[in-house]
PDB file of N, CA and C in Angstrom:
ATOM      1  N   MET A   1      -4.896 -38.950 -40.920  1.00  0.00           N
ATOM      2  CA  MET A   1      -6.190 -38.741 -40.299  1.00  0.00           C
ATOM      3  C   MET A   1      -6.807 -40.105 -39.991  1.00  0.00           C
ATOM      4  N   ARG A   2      -7.300 -40.240 -38.794  1.00  0.00           N
ATOM      5  CA  ARG A   2      -7.929 -41.482 -38.365  1.00  0.00           C
ATOM      6  C   ARG A   2      -9.433 -41.245 -38.205  1.00  0.00           C
ATOM      7  N   THR A   3     -10.222 -42.076 -38.851  1.00  0.00           N
ATOM      8  CA  THR A   3     -11.675 -41.920 -38.842  1.00  0.00           C
ATOM      9  C   THR A   3     -12.254 -42.109 -37.450  1.00  0.00           C
ATOM     10  N   GLU A   4     -13.049 -41.128 -37.034  1.00  0.00           N
ATOM     11  CA  GLU A   4     -13.843 -41.267 -35.814  1.00  0.00           C
ATOM     12  C   GLU A   4     -15.295 -41.560 -36.176  1.00  0.00           C
ATOM     13  N   GLN A   5     -15.749 -40.958 -37.279  1.00  0.00           N
ATOM     14  CA  GLN A   5     -17.115 -41.192 -37.737  1.00  0.00           C
ATOM     15  C   GLN A   5     -17.184 -40.947 -39.237  1.00  0.00           C
ATOM     16  N   LEU A   6     -17.921 -41.800 -39.942  1.00  0.00           N
ATOM     17  CA  LEU A   6     -18.145 -41.656 -41.378  1.00  0.00           C
ATOM     18  C   LEU A   6     -19.616 -41.930 -41.613  1.00  0.00           C
ATOM     19  N   VAL A   7     -20.344 -40.902 -42.053  1.00  0.00           N
ATOM     20  CA  VAL A   7     -21.790 -41.003 -42.216  1.00  0.00           C
ATOM     21  C   VAL A   7     -22.142 -40.784 -43.677  1.00  0.00           C
ATOM     22  N   GLU A   8     -22.918 -41.701 -44.239  1.00  0.00           N
ATOM     23  CA  GLU A   8     -23.400 -41.510 -45.604  1.00  0.00           C
ATOM     24  C   GLU A   8     -24.536 -40.498 -45.586  1.00  0.00           C
ATOM     25  N   VAL A   9     -24.360 -39.410 -46.331  1.00  0.00           N
ATOM     26  CA  VAL A   9     -25.371 -38.363 -46.422  1.00  0.00           C
ATOM     27  C   VAL A   9     -26.375 -38.709 -47.515  1.00  0.00           C
ATOM     28  N   ARG A  10     -25.857 -39.202 -48.636  1.00  0.00           N
ATOM     29  CA  ARG A  10     -26.707 -39.506 -49.786  1.00  0.00           C
ATOM     30  C   ARG A  10     -25.967 -40.490 -50.681  1.00  0.00           C
ATOM     31  N   GLY A  11     -26.698 -41.384 -51.309  1.00  0.00           N
ATOM     32  CA  GLY A  11     -26.094 -42.318 -52.246  1.00  0.00           C
ATOM     33  C   GLY A  11     -26.980 -42.503 -53.460  1.00  0.00           C
ATOM     34  N   LEU A  12     -26.367 -42.547 -54.614  1.00  0.00           N
ATOM     35  CA  LEU A  12     -27.070 -42.806 -55.874  1.00  0.00           C
ATOM     36  C   LEU A  12     -26.409 -44.021 -56.515  1.00  0.00           C
ATOM     37  N   TYR A  13     -27.218 -45.012 -56.857  1.00  0.00           N
ATOM     38  CA  TYR A  13     -26.679 -46.275 -57.328  1.00  0.00           C
ATOM     39  C   TYR A  13     -27.304 -46.662 -58.659  1.00  0.00           C
ATOM     40  N   ALA A  14     -26.477 -47.181 -59.555  1.00  0.00           N
ATOM     41  CA  ALA A  14     -26.932 -47.691 -60.844  1.00  0.00           C
ATOM     42  C   ALA A  14     -26.147 -48.969 -61.119  1.00  0.00           C
ATOM     43  N   GLU A  15     -26.391 -49.579 -62.261  1.00  0.00           N
ATOM     44  CA  GLU A  15     -25.753 -50.854 -62.587  1.00  0.00           C
ATOM     45  C   GLU A  15     -24.230 -50.767 -62.619  1.00  0.00           C
ATOM     46  N   ASP A  16     -23.698 -49.678 -63.168  1.00  0.00           N
ATOM     47  CA  ASP A  16     -22.245 -49.598 -63.344  1.00  0.00           C
ATOM     48  C   ASP A  16     -21.607 -48.380 -62.691  1.00  0.00           C
ATOM     49  N   VAL A  17     -22.360 -47.702 -61.808  1.00  0.00           N
ATOM     50  CA  VAL A  17     -21.820 -46.517 -61.138  1.00  0.00           C
ATOM     51  C   VAL A  17     -22.469 -46.347 -59.762  1.00  0.00           C
ATOM     52  N   CYS A  18     -21.709 -45.747 -58.863  1.00  0.00           N
ATOM     53  CA  CYS A  18     -22.198 -45.449 -57.524  1.00  0.00           C
ATOM     54  C   CYS A  18     -21.621 -44.095 -57.127  1.00  0.00           C
ATOM     55  N   VAL A  19     -22.471 -43.201 -56.664  1.00  0.00           N
ATOM     56  CA  VAL A  19     -22.038 -41.890 -56.195  1.00  0.00           C
ATOM     57  C   VAL A  19     -22.490 -41.764 -54.746  1.00  0.00           C
ATOM     58  N   VAL A  20     -21.533 -41.520 -53.851  1.00  0.00           N
ATOM     59  CA  VAL A  20     -21.858 -41.458 -52.426  1.00  0.00           C
ATOM     60  C   VAL A  20     -21.262 -40.183 -51.830  1.00  0.00           C
ATOM     61  N   GLU A  21     -22.102 -39.432 -51.124  1.00  0.00           N
ATOM     62  CA  GLU A  21     -21.642 -38.269 -50.374  1.00  0.00           C
ATOM     63  C   GLU A  21     -21.546 -38.675 -48.907  1.00  0.00           C
ATOM     64  N   HIS A  22     -20.388 -38.423 -48.306  1.00  0.00           N
ATOM     65  CA  HIS A  22     -20.150 -38.761 -46.907  1.00  0.00           C
ATOM     66  C   HIS A  22     -19.830 -37.501 -46.110  1.00  0.00           C
ATOM     67  N   GLU A  23     -20.161 -37.532 -44.836  1.00  0.00           N
ATOM     68  CA  GLU A  23     -19.612 -36.567 -43.894  1.00  0.00           C
ATOM     69  C   GLU A  23     -18.572 -37.343 -43.086  1.00  0.00           C
ATOM     70  N   TRP A  24     -17.340 -36.877 -43.150  1.00  0.00           N
ATOM     71  CA  TRP A  24     -16.233 -37.582 -42.498  1.00  0.00           C
ATOM     72  C   TRP A  24     -15.763 -36.772 -41.310  1.00  0.00           C
ATOM     73  N   ARG A  25     -15.580 -37.430 -40.191  1.00  0.00           N
ATOM     74  CA  ARG A  25     -15.053 -36.800 -38.976  1.00  0.00           C
ATOM     75  C   ARG A  25     -13.799 -37.566 -38.537  1.00  0.00           C
ATOM     76  N   PRO A  26     -12.647 -37.169 -39.071  1.00  0.00           N
ATOM     77  CA  PRO A  26     -11.406 -37.809 -38.643  1.00  0.00           C
ATOM     78  C   PRO A  26     -10.682 -36.962 -37.599  1.00  0.00           C
ATOM     79  N   ARG A  27      -9.790 -37.621 -36.878  1.00  0.00           N
ATOM     80  CA  ARG A  27      -8.884 -36.926 -35.966  1.00  0.00           C
ATOM     81  C   ARG A  27      -7.587 -36.703 -36.721  1.00  0.00           C
ATOM     82  N   SER A  28      -7.143 -35.466 -36.767  1.00  0.00           N
ATOM     83  CA  SER A  28      -5.935 -35.105 -37.501  1.00  0.00           C
ATOM     84  C   SER A  28      -4.739 -35.134 -36.559  1.00  0.00           C
ATOM     85  N   SER A  29      -4.009 -36.245 -36.581  1.00  0.00           N
ATOM     86  CA  SER A  29      -2.884 -36.391 -35.659  1.00  0.00           C
ATOM     87  C   SER A  29      -1.570 -35.894 -36.251  1.00  0.00           C
ATOM     88  N   GLY A  30      -1.482 -35.845 -37.567  1.00  0.00           N
ATOM     89  CA  GLY A  30      -0.259 -35.368 -38.224  1.00  0.00           C
ATOM     90  C   GLY A  30      -0.461 -33.947 -38.709  1.00  0.00           C
ATOM     91  N   SER A  31      -0.091 -33.714 -39.955  1.00  0.00           N
ATOM     92  CA  SER A  31      -0.326 -32.396 -40.543  1.00  0.00           C
ATOM     93  C   SER A  31      -1.127 -32.568 -41.819  1.00  0.00           C
ATOM     94  N   PHE A  32      -1.824 -31.524 -42.198  1.00  0.00           N
ATOM     95  CA  PHE A  32      -2.638 -31.519 -43.407  1.00  0.00           C
ATOM     96  C   PHE A  32      -2.312 -30.236 -44.149  1.00  0.00           C
ATOM     97  N   ALA A  33      -1.818 -30.359 -45.357  1.00  0.00           N
ATOM     98  CA  ALA A  33      -1.439 -29.193 -46.179  1.00  0.00           C
ATOM     99  C   ALA A  33      -0.502 -28.263 -45.413  1.00  0.00           C
ATOM    100  N   GLY A  34       0.384 -28.849 -44.617  1.00  0.00           N
ATOM    101  CA  GLY A  34       1.360 -28.062 -43.873  1.00  0.00           C
ATOM    102  C   GLY A  34       0.878 -27.521 -42.549  1.00  0.00           C
ATOM    103  N   LEU A  35      -0.391 -27.739 -42.222  1.00  0.00           N
ATOM    104  CA  LEU A  35      -0.934 -27.257 -40.940  1.00  0.00           C
ATOM    105  C   LEU A  35      -0.960 -28.398 -39.937  1.00  0.00           C
ATOM    106  N   PRO A  36      -0.498 -28.172 -38.714  1.00  0.00           N
ATOM    107  CA  PRO A  36      -0.505 -29.230 -37.707  1.00  0.00           C
ATOM    108  C   PRO A  36      -1.925 -29.568 -37.266  1.00  0.00           C
ATOM    109  N   GLY A  37      -2.207 -30.865 -37.168  1.00  0.00           N
ATOM    110  CA  GLY A  37      -3.534 -31.295 -36.742  1.00  0.00           C
ATOM    111  C   GLY A  37      -3.731 -31.204 -35.245  1.00  0.00           C
ATOM    112  N   ARG A  38      -2.665 -31.412 -34.481  1.00  0.00           N
ATOM    113  CA  ARG A  38      -2.693 -31.334 -33.012  1.00  0.00           C
ATOM    114  C   ARG A  38      -3.774 -32.208 -32.379  1.00  0.00           C
ATOM    115  N   GLY A  39      -4.100 -33.322 -33.043  1.00  0.00           N
ATOM    116  CA  GLY A  39      -5.073 -34.255 -32.492  1.00  0.00           C
ATOM    117  C   GLY A  39      -6.509 -33.788 -32.551  1.00  0.00           C
ATOM    118  N   ARG A  40      -6.764 -32.720 -33.295  1.00  0.00           N
ATOM    119  CA  ARG A  40      -8.129 -32.183 -33.370  1.00  0.00           C
ATOM    120  C   ARG A  40      -8.996 -33.008 -34.306  1.00  0.00           C
ATOM    121  N   THR A  41     -10.270 -33.075 -33.987  1.00  0.00           N
ATOM    122  CA  THR A  41     -11.240 -33.699 -34.874  1.00  0.00           C
ATOM    123  C   THR A  41     -11.784 -32.627 -35.809  1.00  0.00           C
ATOM    124  N   VAL A  42     -11.803 -32.936 -37.107  1.00  0.00           N
ATOM    125  CA  VAL A  42     -12.360 -32.027 -38.102  1.00  0.00           C
ATOM    126  C   VAL A  42     -13.574 -32.702 -38.730  1.00  0.00           C
ATOM    127  N   ARG A  43     -14.380 -31.913 -39.411  1.00  0.00           N
ATOM    128  CA  ARG A  43     -15.607 -32.431 -40.022  1.00  0.00           C
ATOM    129  C   ARG A  43     -15.763 -31.798 -41.389  1.00  0.00           C
ATOM    130  N   PHE A  44     -15.955 -32.652 -42.404  1.00  0.00           N
ATOM    131  CA  PHE A  44     -16.131 -32.133 -43.763  1.00  0.00           C
ATOM    132  C   PHE A  44     -16.811 -33.175 -44.627  1.00  0.00           C
ATOM    133  N   ARG A  45     -17.215 -32.758 -45.811  1.00  0.00           N
ATOM    134  CA  ARG A  45     -17.896 -33.665 -46.735  1.00  0.00           C
ATOM    135  C   ARG A  45     -16.947 -34.166 -47.807  1.00  0.00           C
ATOM    136  N   MET A  46     -17.216 -35.392 -48.238  1.00  0.00           N
ATOM    137  CA  MET A  46     -16.467 -36.012 -49.332  1.00  0.00           C
ATOM    138  C   MET A  46     -17.467 -36.587 -50.327  1.00  0.00           C
ATOM    139  N   LEU A  47     -17.065 -36.629 -51.576  1.00  0.00           N
ATOM    140  CA  LEU A  47     -17.881 -37.223 -52.628  1.00  0.00           C
ATOM    141  C   LEU A  47     -17.069 -38.325 -53.290  1.00  0.00           C
ATOM    142  N   HIS A  48     -17.609 -39.544 -53.283  1.00  0.00           N
ATOM    143  CA  HIS A  48     -16.969 -40.690 -53.937  1.00  0.00           C
ATOM    144  C   HIS A  48     -17.771 -41.055 -55.183  1.00  0.00           C
ATOM    145  N   VAL A  49     -17.076 -41.291 -56.283  1.00  0.00           N
ATOM    146  CA  VAL A  49     -17.702 -41.797 -57.503  1.00  0.00           C
ATOM    147  C   VAL A  49     -16.983 -43.093 -57.871  1.00  0.00           C
ATOM    148  N   PHE A  50     -17.735 -44.177 -57.933  1.00  0.00           N
ATOM    149  CA  PHE A  50     -17.191 -45.477 -58.313  1.00  0.00           C
ATOM    150  C   PHE A  50     -17.791 -45.900 -59.646  1.00  0.00           C
ATOM    151  N   GLU A  51     -16.966 -46.449 -60.515  1.00  0.00           N
ATOM    152  CA  GLU A  51     -17.444 -47.087 -61.743  1.00  0.00           C
ATOM    153  C   GLU A  51     -17.102 -48.564 -61.632  1.00  0.00           C
ATOM    154  N   PHE A  52     -17.986 -49.412 -62.137  1.00  0.00           N
ATOM    155  CA  PHE A  52     -17.801 -50.857 -62.059  1.00  0.00           C
ATOM    156  C   PHE A  52     -17.715 -51.476 -63.451  1.00  0.00           C
ATOM    157  N   ARG A  53     -16.884 -52.501 -63.551  1.00  0.00           N
ATOM    158  CA  ARG A  53     -16.780 -53.293 -64.779  1.00  0.00           C
ATOM    159  C   ARG A  53     -16.567 -54.742 -64.358  1.00  0.00           C
ATOM    160  N   ASP A  54     -17.373 -55.632 -64.900  1.00  0.00           N
ATOM    161  CA  ASP A  54     -17.287 -57.061 -64.583  1.00  0.00           C
ATOM    162  C   ASP A  54     -17.369 -57.324 -63.086  1.00  0.00           C
ATOM    163  N   GLY A  55     -18.211 -56.558 -62.399  1.00  0.00           N
ATOM    164  CA  GLY A  55     -18.438 -56.765 -60.979  1.00  0.00           C
ATOM    165  C   GLY A  55     -17.359 -56.215 -60.055  1.00  0.00           C
ATOM    166  N   LEU A  56     -16.363 -55.527 -60.618  1.00  0.00           N
ATOM    167  CA  LEU A  56     -15.270 -54.968 -59.823  1.00  0.00           C
ATOM    168  C   LEU A  56     -15.191 -53.452 -59.998  1.00  0.00           C
ATOM    169  N   ILE A  57     -14.619 -52.772 -59.032  1.00  0.00           N
ATOM    170  CA  ILE A  57     -14.408 -51.331 -59.164  1.00  0.00           C
ATOM    171  C   ILE A  57     -13.340 -51.116 -60.231  1.00  0.00           C
ATOM    172  N   SER A  58     -13.698 -50.380 -61.277  1.00  0.00           N
ATOM    173  CA  SER A  58     -12.738 -50.100 -62.346  1.00  0.00           C
ATOM    174  C   SER A  58     -12.176 -48.689 -62.248  1.00  0.00           C
ATOM    175  N   ARG A  59     -12.865 -47.841 -61.482  1.00  0.00           N
ATOM    176  CA  ARG A  59     -12.415 -46.464 -61.333  1.00  0.00           C
ATOM    177  C   ARG A  59     -13.024 -45.879 -60.069  1.00  0.00           C
ATOM    178  N   GLU A  60     -12.247 -45.061 -59.389  1.00  0.00           N
ATOM    179  CA  GLU A  60     -12.744 -44.367 -58.199  1.00  0.00           C
ATOM    180  C   GLU A  60     -12.192 -42.952 -58.197  1.00  0.00           C
ATOM    181  N   ASN A  61     -13.050 -41.990 -57.954  1.00  0.00           N
ATOM    182  CA  ASN A  61     -12.652 -40.596 -57.783  1.00  0.00           C
ATOM    183  C   ASN A  61     -13.202 -40.111 -56.450  1.00  0.00           C
ATOM    184  N   VAL A  62     -12.407 -39.304 -55.748  1.00  0.00           N
ATOM    185  CA  VAL A  62     -12.813 -38.768 -54.455  1.00  0.00           C
ATOM    186  C   VAL A  62     -12.544 -37.270 -54.452  1.00  0.00           C
ATOM    187  N   TRP A  63     -13.532 -36.511 -54.031  1.00  0.00           N
ATOM    188  CA  TRP A  63     -13.374 -35.073 -53.840  1.00  0.00           C
ATOM    189  C   TRP A  63     -13.685 -34.779 -52.386  1.00  0.00           C
ATOM    190  N   MET A  64     -12.884 -33.916 -51.787  1.00  0.00           N
ATOM    191  CA  MET A  64     -13.139 -33.533 -50.403  1.00  0.00           C
ATOM    192  C   MET A  64     -13.122 -32.014 -50.273  1.00  0.00           C
ATOM    193  N   ASP A  65     -13.831 -31.522 -49.296  1.00  0.00           N
ATOM    194  CA  ASP A  65     -13.944 -30.089 -49.057  1.00  0.00           C
ATOM    195  C   ASP A  65     -12.711 -29.609 -48.292  1.00  0.00           C
ATOM    196  N   THR A  66     -11.628 -29.431 -49.020  1.00  0.00           N
ATOM    197  CA  THR A  66     -10.340 -29.064 -48.435  1.00  0.00           C
ATOM    198  C   THR A  66     -10.387 -27.712 -47.732  1.00  0.00           C
ATOM    199  N   ALA A  67     -11.112 -26.756 -48.283  1.00  0.00           N
ATOM    200  CA  ALA A  67     -11.199 -25.431 -47.671  1.00  0.00           C
ATOM    201  C   ALA A  67     -11.783 -25.508 -46.264  1.00  0.00           C
ATOM    202  N   THR A  68     -12.756 -26.386 -46.065  1.00  0.00           N
ATOM    203  CA  THR A  68     -13.355 -26.555 -44.746  1.00  0.00           C
ATOM    204  C   THR A  68     -12.346 -27.141 -43.768  1.00  0.00           C
ATOM    205  N   VAL A  69     -11.549 -28.106 -44.208  1.00  0.00           N
ATOM    206  CA  VAL A  69     -10.517 -28.692 -43.344  1.00  0.00           C
ATOM    207  C   VAL A  69      -9.498 -27.626 -42.954  1.00  0.00           C
ATOM    208  N   LEU A  70      -9.040 -26.862 -43.934  1.00  0.00           N
ATOM    209  CA  LEU A  70      -8.046 -25.807 -43.660  1.00  0.00           C
ATOM    210  C   LEU A  70      -8.589 -24.774 -42.679  1.00  0.00           C
ATOM    211  N   ALA A  71      -9.858 -24.397 -42.839  1.00  0.00           N
ATOM    212  CA  ALA A  71     -10.453 -23.424 -41.939  1.00  0.00           C
ATOM    213  C   ALA A  71     -10.508 -23.969 -40.510  1.00  0.00           C
ATOM    214  N   GLN A  72     -10.806 -25.246 -40.356  1.00  0.00           N
ATOM    215  CA  GLN A  72     -10.896 -25.838 -39.019  1.00  0.00           C
ATOM    216  C   GLN A  72      -9.513 -26.007 -38.371  1.00  0.00           C
ATOM    217  N   LEU A  73      -8.480 -26.132 -39.204  1.00  0.00           N
ATOM    218  CA  LEU A  73      -7.125 -26.248 -38.669  1.00  0.00           C
ATOM    219  C   LEU A  73      -6.436 -24.898 -38.525  1.00  0.00           C
ATOM    220  N   GLY A  74      -7.144 -23.828 -38.893  1.00  0.00           N
ATOM    221  CA  GLY A  74      -6.599 -22.489 -38.701  1.00  0.00           C
ATOM    222  C   GLY A  74      -5.865 -21.919 -39.882  1.00  0.00           C
ATOM    223  N   GLY A  75      -6.058 -22.488 -41.068  1.00  0.00           N
ATOM    224  CA  GLY A  75      -5.319 -22.015 -42.243  1.00  0.00           C
ATOM    225  C   GLY A  75      -6.071 -21.032 -43.108  1.00  0.00           C
ATOM    226  N   CYS A  76      -7.338 -20.795 -42.861  1.00  0.00           N
ATOM    227  CA  CYS A  76      -8.117 -19.852 -43.696  1.00  0.00           C
ATOM    228  C   CYS A  76      -8.752 -18.784 -42.831  1.00  0.00           C
TER     229      CYS A  76
END
């Protein structure tokens, strides 16, 4: 998937953690979960959680709304 647009919906920041919700609009040129992208642009939300230690990212977790992607590609 190649990013066409990435918009921050909301961000929460603290000394050692950052939580950011994004709306991502990538173009799906390959396949996703076995479904062909056929060059279509999809739109869904992602949640990133970063933890910091000594000024560096020590941990990152990402959750994405997979069901929404599948529905847009015709899988649901």
